[in-house]
Amino acid sequence: MSAMAVRVWCPDWCTVTEQTHLDDLRNNDGEVIHSSADFGHVDSEDYALSAIGSPDGVLRPEDPTHAPVMCMAGNGELIHPDDMERHARALLDMVARARGEQKERQR
């Protein structure tokens, strides 16, 4: 009986090597943990992407409140992408208002 070769599918943003995924399968109960390099740096906080899935590329939430792909803060906190988007939109709105008020004062 010959051993079956296992291949690992990764999202395009995953920076973990296939060999590292293969080496970690046993410790991760047969699942693959994808992570990205830092996508952004805000103040002293780094942000990246994280996902859990099977080697064939099927991503699944870590728990029911998570999306299949989560944003991960530098402190390891997982943040739902919808929450990150709401936060980003609120910040952009605040910046736009601040810039609008600055233009009004400059007139």
N, C-alpha and C. Protein backbone atom coordinates (compact mmCIF):
# COMPACT_ATOMS: atom_id res chain seq x y z
N MET A 1 0.84 -1.17 0.00
CA MET A 1 0.00 0.00 0.00
C MET A 1 0.90 1.24 0.00
N SER A 2 0.64 2.15 -0.92
CA SER A 2 1.47 3.35 -1.00
C SER A 2 0.78 4.52 -0.28
N ALA A 3 1.58 5.44 0.20
CA ALA A 3 1.05 6.62 0.89
C ALA A 3 0.50 7.59 -0.14
N MET A 4 -0.59 8.22 0.21
CA MET A 4 -1.20 9.21 -0.67
C MET A 4 -0.55 10.57 -0.43
N ALA A 5 -0.16 11.25 -1.48
CA ALA A 5 0.44 12.57 -1.36
C ALA A 5 -0.66 13.58 -1.03
N VAL A 6 -0.40 14.39 -0.04
CA VAL A 6 -1.35 15.43 0.35
C VAL A 6 -0.84 16.76 -0.19
N ARG A 7 -1.72 17.49 -0.84
CA ARG A 7 -1.41 18.83 -1.31
C ARG A 7 -2.27 19.80 -0.52
N VAL A 8 -1.77 21.00 -0.33
CA VAL A 8 -2.51 22.01 0.42
C VAL A 8 -2.83 23.19 -0.50
N TRP A 9 -4.10 23.53 -0.56
CA TRP A 9 -4.54 24.71 -1.29
C TRP A 9 -4.54 25.89 -0.32
N CYS A 10 -4.00 27.03 -0.75
CA CYS A 10 -3.97 28.23 0.09
C CYS A 10 -4.65 29.40 -0.63
N PRO A 11 -5.29 30.29 0.12
CA PRO A 11 -5.77 31.52 -0.48
C PRO A 11 -4.56 32.31 -1.00
N ASP A 12 -4.76 33.20 -1.96
CA ASP A 12 -3.63 33.92 -2.54
C ASP A 12 -2.90 34.80 -1.54
N TRP A 13 -3.53 35.15 -0.42
CA TRP A 13 -2.90 36.02 0.58
C TRP A 13 -2.11 35.24 1.64
N CYS A 14 -2.21 33.93 1.66
CA CYS A 14 -1.54 33.12 2.68
C CYS A 14 -0.03 33.11 2.43
N THR A 15 0.74 33.39 3.46
CA THR A 15 2.19 33.42 3.34
C THR A 15 2.87 32.22 4.00
N VAL A 16 2.09 31.26 4.48
CA VAL A 16 2.64 30.05 5.09
C VAL A 16 2.99 29.08 3.96
N THR A 17 4.15 28.48 4.03
CA THR A 17 4.56 27.55 2.98
C THR A 17 3.74 26.26 3.06
N GLU A 18 3.64 25.59 1.92
CA GLU A 18 2.92 24.32 1.89
C GLU A 18 3.58 23.32 2.84
N GLN A 19 4.89 23.29 2.87
CA GLN A 19 5.59 22.35 3.75
C GLN A 19 5.26 22.62 5.22
N THR A 20 5.19 23.89 5.61
CA THR A 20 4.83 24.22 7.00
C THR A 20 3.42 23.75 7.29
N HIS A 21 2.50 23.96 6.35
CA HIS A 21 1.13 23.46 6.54
C HIS A 21 1.13 21.95 6.73
N LEU A 22 1.86 21.25 5.87
CA LEU A 22 1.92 19.79 5.96
C LEU A 22 2.51 19.34 7.29
N ASP A 23 3.56 20.02 7.73
CA ASP A 23 4.20 19.68 9.00
C ASP A 23 3.26 19.90 10.18
N ASP A 24 2.36 20.87 10.06
CA ASP A 24 1.47 21.23 11.16
C ASP A 24 0.14 20.47 11.17
N LEU A 25 -0.14 19.69 10.14
CA LEU A 25 -1.45 19.00 10.06
C LEU A 25 -1.75 18.17 11.29
N ARG A 26 -0.80 17.40 11.76
CA ARG A 26 -1.04 16.53 12.90
C ARG A 26 -1.36 17.35 14.16
N ASN A 27 -0.64 18.44 14.38
CA ASN A 27 -0.86 19.29 15.57
C ASN A 27 -2.15 20.09 15.47
N ASN A 28 -2.66 20.26 14.25
CA ASN A 28 -3.88 21.06 14.05
C ASN A 28 -5.08 20.19 13.72
N ASP A 29 -5.08 18.95 14.18
CA ASP A 29 -6.20 18.02 13.95
C ASP A 29 -6.57 17.89 12.48
N GLY A 30 -5.56 17.90 11.60
CA GLY A 30 -5.80 17.73 10.18
C GLY A 30 -6.25 18.98 9.46
N GLU A 31 -6.26 20.09 10.16
CA GLU A 31 -6.69 21.34 9.53
C GLU A 31 -5.48 22.21 9.21
N VAL A 32 -5.71 23.16 8.34
CA VAL A 32 -4.68 24.09 7.91
C VAL A 32 -5.03 25.47 8.45
N ILE A 33 -4.05 26.15 9.03
CA ILE A 33 -4.25 27.51 9.51
C ILE A 33 -3.50 28.45 8.56
N HIS A 34 -4.27 29.22 7.81
CA HIS A 34 -3.70 30.17 6.86
C HIS A 34 -3.51 31.51 7.57
N SER A 35 -2.42 32.18 7.26
CA SER A 35 -2.24 33.54 7.76
C SER A 35 -1.45 34.33 6.73
N SER A 36 -1.64 35.63 6.78
CA SER A 36 -0.98 36.50 5.82
C SER A 36 0.14 37.27 6.49
N ALA A 37 0.95 37.88 5.67
CA ALA A 37 1.88 38.87 6.19
C ALA A 37 1.02 40.06 6.62
N ASP A 38 1.59 40.96 7.36
CA ASP A 38 0.83 42.13 7.79
C ASP A 38 0.32 42.89 6.58
N PHE A 39 -0.99 43.21 6.62
CA PHE A 39 -1.60 43.98 5.54
C PHE A 39 -1.55 45.46 5.83
N GLY A 40 -1.60 45.80 7.08
CA GLY A 40 -1.63 47.21 7.41
C GLY A 40 -1.03 47.47 8.76
N HIS A 41 -0.57 48.67 8.92
CA HIS A 41 0.01 49.09 10.19
C HIS A 41 -0.65 50.41 10.55
N VAL A 42 -1.41 50.42 11.63
CA VAL A 42 -2.10 51.62 12.08
C VAL A 42 -1.61 51.91 13.49
N ASP A 43 -1.03 53.10 13.66
CA ASP A 43 -0.39 53.46 14.93
C ASP A 43 0.59 52.35 15.29
N SER A 44 0.39 51.69 16.39
CA SER A 44 1.31 50.61 16.77
C SER A 44 0.69 49.24 16.56
N GLU A 45 -0.37 49.16 15.78
CA GLU A 45 -1.10 47.90 15.59
C GLU A 45 -0.92 47.38 14.17
N ASP A 46 -0.60 46.10 14.04
CA ASP A 46 -0.50 45.45 12.75
C ASP A 46 -1.77 44.64 12.51
N TYR A 47 -2.15 44.49 11.26
CA TYR A 47 -3.33 43.71 10.90
C TYR A 47 -2.98 42.71 9.82
N ALA A 48 -3.55 41.53 9.91
CA ALA A 48 -3.31 40.47 8.93
C ALA A 48 -4.62 39.69 8.75
N LEU A 49 -4.60 38.69 7.88
CA LEU A 49 -5.76 37.82 7.67
C LEU A 49 -5.44 36.44 8.24
N SER A 50 -6.50 35.75 8.67
CA SER A 50 -6.35 34.41 9.23
C SER A 50 -7.56 33.58 8.85
N ALA A 51 -7.33 32.30 8.56
CA ALA A 51 -8.43 31.40 8.23
C ALA A 51 -8.03 29.97 8.58
N ILE A 52 -9.04 29.16 8.85
CA ILE A 52 -8.84 27.74 9.14
C ILE A 52 -9.60 26.96 8.08
N GLY A 53 -9.00 25.87 7.63
CA GLY A 53 -9.70 25.07 6.63
C GLY A 53 -9.07 23.71 6.47
N SER A 54 -9.62 22.98 5.53
CA SER A 54 -9.08 21.66 5.20
C SER A 54 -8.00 21.84 4.14
N PRO A 55 -7.13 20.86 3.98
CA PRO A 55 -6.07 20.98 2.99
C PRO A 55 -6.59 21.25 1.57
N ASP A 56 -7.83 20.80 1.26
CA ASP A 56 -8.34 21.00 -0.10
C ASP A 56 -8.90 22.40 -0.33
N GLY A 57 -8.78 23.28 0.66
CA GLY A 57 -9.16 24.68 0.45
C GLY A 57 -10.51 25.09 0.97
N VAL A 58 -11.25 24.19 1.59
CA VAL A 58 -12.54 24.57 2.15
C VAL A 58 -12.30 25.29 3.48
N LEU A 59 -12.64 26.58 3.50
CA LEU A 59 -12.43 27.38 4.71
C LEU A 59 -13.67 27.29 5.58
N ARG A 60 -13.46 27.30 6.89
CA ARG A 60 -14.59 27.24 7.82
C ARG A 60 -14.31 28.19 8.97
N PRO A 61 -15.37 28.76 9.51
CA PRO A 61 -15.17 29.62 10.68
C PRO A 61 -14.64 28.83 11.87
N GLU A 62 -13.82 29.49 12.68
CA GLU A 62 -13.32 28.85 13.89
C GLU A 62 -14.46 28.59 14.87
N ASP A 63 -15.40 29.53 14.93
CA ASP A 63 -16.62 29.32 15.70
C ASP A 63 -17.76 30.01 14.95
N PRO A 64 -19.01 29.76 15.32
CA PRO A 64 -20.15 30.26 14.55
C PRO A 64 -20.22 31.79 14.41
N THR A 65 -19.57 32.53 15.29
CA THR A 65 -19.62 33.98 15.19
C THR A 65 -18.55 34.53 14.25
N HIS A 66 -17.66 33.67 13.77
CA HIS A 66 -16.57 34.10 12.90
C HIS A 66 -16.94 33.92 11.44
N ALA A 67 -16.33 34.74 10.60
CA ALA A 67 -16.41 34.56 9.16
C ALA A 67 -15.35 33.54 8.77
N PRO A 68 -15.46 32.95 7.56
CA PRO A 68 -14.43 32.01 7.16
C PRO A 68 -13.02 32.62 7.16
N VAL A 69 -12.92 33.90 6.80
CA VAL A 69 -11.64 34.61 6.86
C VAL A 69 -11.81 35.75 7.84
N MET A 70 -10.92 35.82 8.82
CA MET A 70 -11.00 36.85 9.85
C MET A 70 -9.82 37.80 9.73
N CYS A 71 -10.00 39.01 10.21
CA CYS A 71 -8.91 39.96 10.34
C CYS A 71 -8.27 39.69 11.70
N MET A 72 -6.96 39.77 11.75
CA MET A 72 -6.27 39.49 13.00
C MET A 72 -5.42 40.69 13.39
N ALA A 73 -5.67 41.19 14.59
CA ALA A 73 -4.87 42.30 15.12
C ALA A 73 -3.54 41.77 15.63
N GLY A 74 -2.59 42.66 15.79
CA GLY A 74 -1.25 42.27 16.24
C GLY A 74 -1.24 41.57 17.57
N ASN A 75 -2.27 41.82 18.40
CA ASN A 75 -2.33 41.17 19.71
C ASN A 75 -2.96 39.78 19.64
N GLY A 76 -3.28 39.33 18.41
CA GLY A 76 -3.87 38.00 18.24
C GLY A 76 -5.39 38.00 18.26
N GLU A 77 -6.00 39.14 18.54
CA GLU A 77 -7.46 39.22 18.56
C GLU A 77 -8.00 39.05 17.15
N LEU A 78 -8.98 38.17 16.99
CA LEU A 78 -9.64 37.98 15.71
C LEU A 78 -10.84 38.91 15.62
N ILE A 79 -10.94 39.62 14.51
CA ILE A 79 -11.99 40.61 14.32
C ILE A 79 -12.75 40.26 13.05
N HIS A 80 -14.08 40.21 13.15
CA HIS A 80 -14.91 39.89 11.99
C HIS A 80 -14.72 40.97 10.93
N PRO A 81 -14.59 40.60 9.65
CA PRO A 81 -14.41 41.60 8.61
C PRO A 81 -15.52 42.66 8.58
N ASP A 82 -16.75 42.28 8.89
CA ASP A 82 -17.85 43.26 8.92
C ASP A 82 -17.58 44.33 9.98
N ASP A 83 -17.05 43.92 11.13
CA ASP A 83 -16.73 44.89 12.18
C ASP A 83 -15.59 45.80 11.76
N MET A 84 -14.59 45.24 11.09
CA MET A 84 -13.48 46.06 10.60
C MET A 84 -13.98 47.06 9.57
N GLU A 85 -14.88 46.62 8.71
CA GLU A 85 -15.41 47.52 7.68
C GLU A 85 -16.22 48.65 8.30
N ARG A 86 -17.06 48.33 9.28
CA ARG A 86 -17.84 49.38 9.97
C ARG A 86 -16.90 50.39 10.63
N HIS A 87 -15.86 49.89 11.27
CA HIS A 87 -14.89 50.76 11.94
C HIS A 87 -14.18 51.65 10.90
N ALA A 88 -13.76 51.05 9.80
CA ALA A 88 -13.06 51.80 8.75
C ALA A 88 -13.98 52.87 8.15
N ARG A 89 -15.23 52.53 7.90
CA ARG A 89 -16.18 53.51 7.34
C ARG A 89 -16.41 54.66 8.32
N ALA A 90 -16.53 54.35 9.59
CA ALA A 90 -16.73 55.40 10.58
C ALA A 90 -15.51 56.33 10.64
N LEU A 91 -14.31 55.76 10.58
CA LEU A 91 -13.10 56.58 10.58
C LEU A 91 -13.03 57.45 9.32
N LEU A 92 -13.34 56.88 8.17
CA LEU A 92 -13.31 57.66 6.93
C LEU A 92 -14.35 58.79 6.96
N ASP A 93 -15.52 58.52 7.51
CA ASP A 93 -16.55 59.56 7.65
C ASP A 93 -16.06 60.67 8.56
N MET A 94 -15.42 60.30 9.66
CA MET A 94 -14.91 61.30 10.59
C MET A 94 -13.82 62.15 9.93
N VAL A 95 -12.94 61.53 9.16
CA VAL A 95 -11.89 62.27 8.45
C VAL A 95 -12.51 63.22 7.43
N ALA A 96 -13.49 62.75 6.69
CA ALA A 96 -14.15 63.60 5.70
C ALA A 96 -14.81 64.81 6.36
N ARG A 97 -15.46 64.59 7.48
CA ARG A 97 -16.09 65.71 8.20
C ARG A 97 -15.04 66.69 8.71
N ALA A 98 -13.94 66.15 9.24
CA ALA A 98 -12.88 67.03 9.75
C ALA A 98 -12.29 67.85 8.62
N ARG A 99 -12.07 67.24 7.48
CA ARG A 99 -11.53 67.98 6.34
C ARG A 99 -12.53 68.99 5.81
N GLY A 100 -13.79 68.63 5.81
CA GLY A 100 -14.84 69.57 5.38
C GLY A 100 -14.89 70.78 6.29
N GLU A 101 -14.77 70.56 7.60
CA GLU A 101 -14.79 71.68 8.55
C GLU A 101 -13.55 72.54 8.37
N GLN A 102 -12.41 71.93 8.06
CA GLN A 102 -11.20 72.71 7.85
C GLN A 102 -11.35 73.60 6.61
N LYS A 103 -11.96 73.07 5.56
CA LYS A 103 -12.17 73.87 4.35
C LYS A 103 -13.10 75.04 4.63
N GLU A 104 -14.15 74.78 5.43
CA GLU A 104 -15.09 75.85 5.77
C GLU A 104 -14.40 76.95 6.54
N ARG A 105 -13.51 76.61 7.45
CA ARG A 105 -12.79 77.60 8.25
C ARG A 105 -11.80 78.37 7.43
N GLN A 106 -11.26 77.76 6.38
CA GLN A 106 -10.26 78.42 5.55
C GLN A 106 -10.88 79.43 4.60
N ARG A 107 -12.16 79.42 4.40
CA ARG A 107 -12.83 80.37 3.49
C ARG A 107 -12.92 81.72 4.07
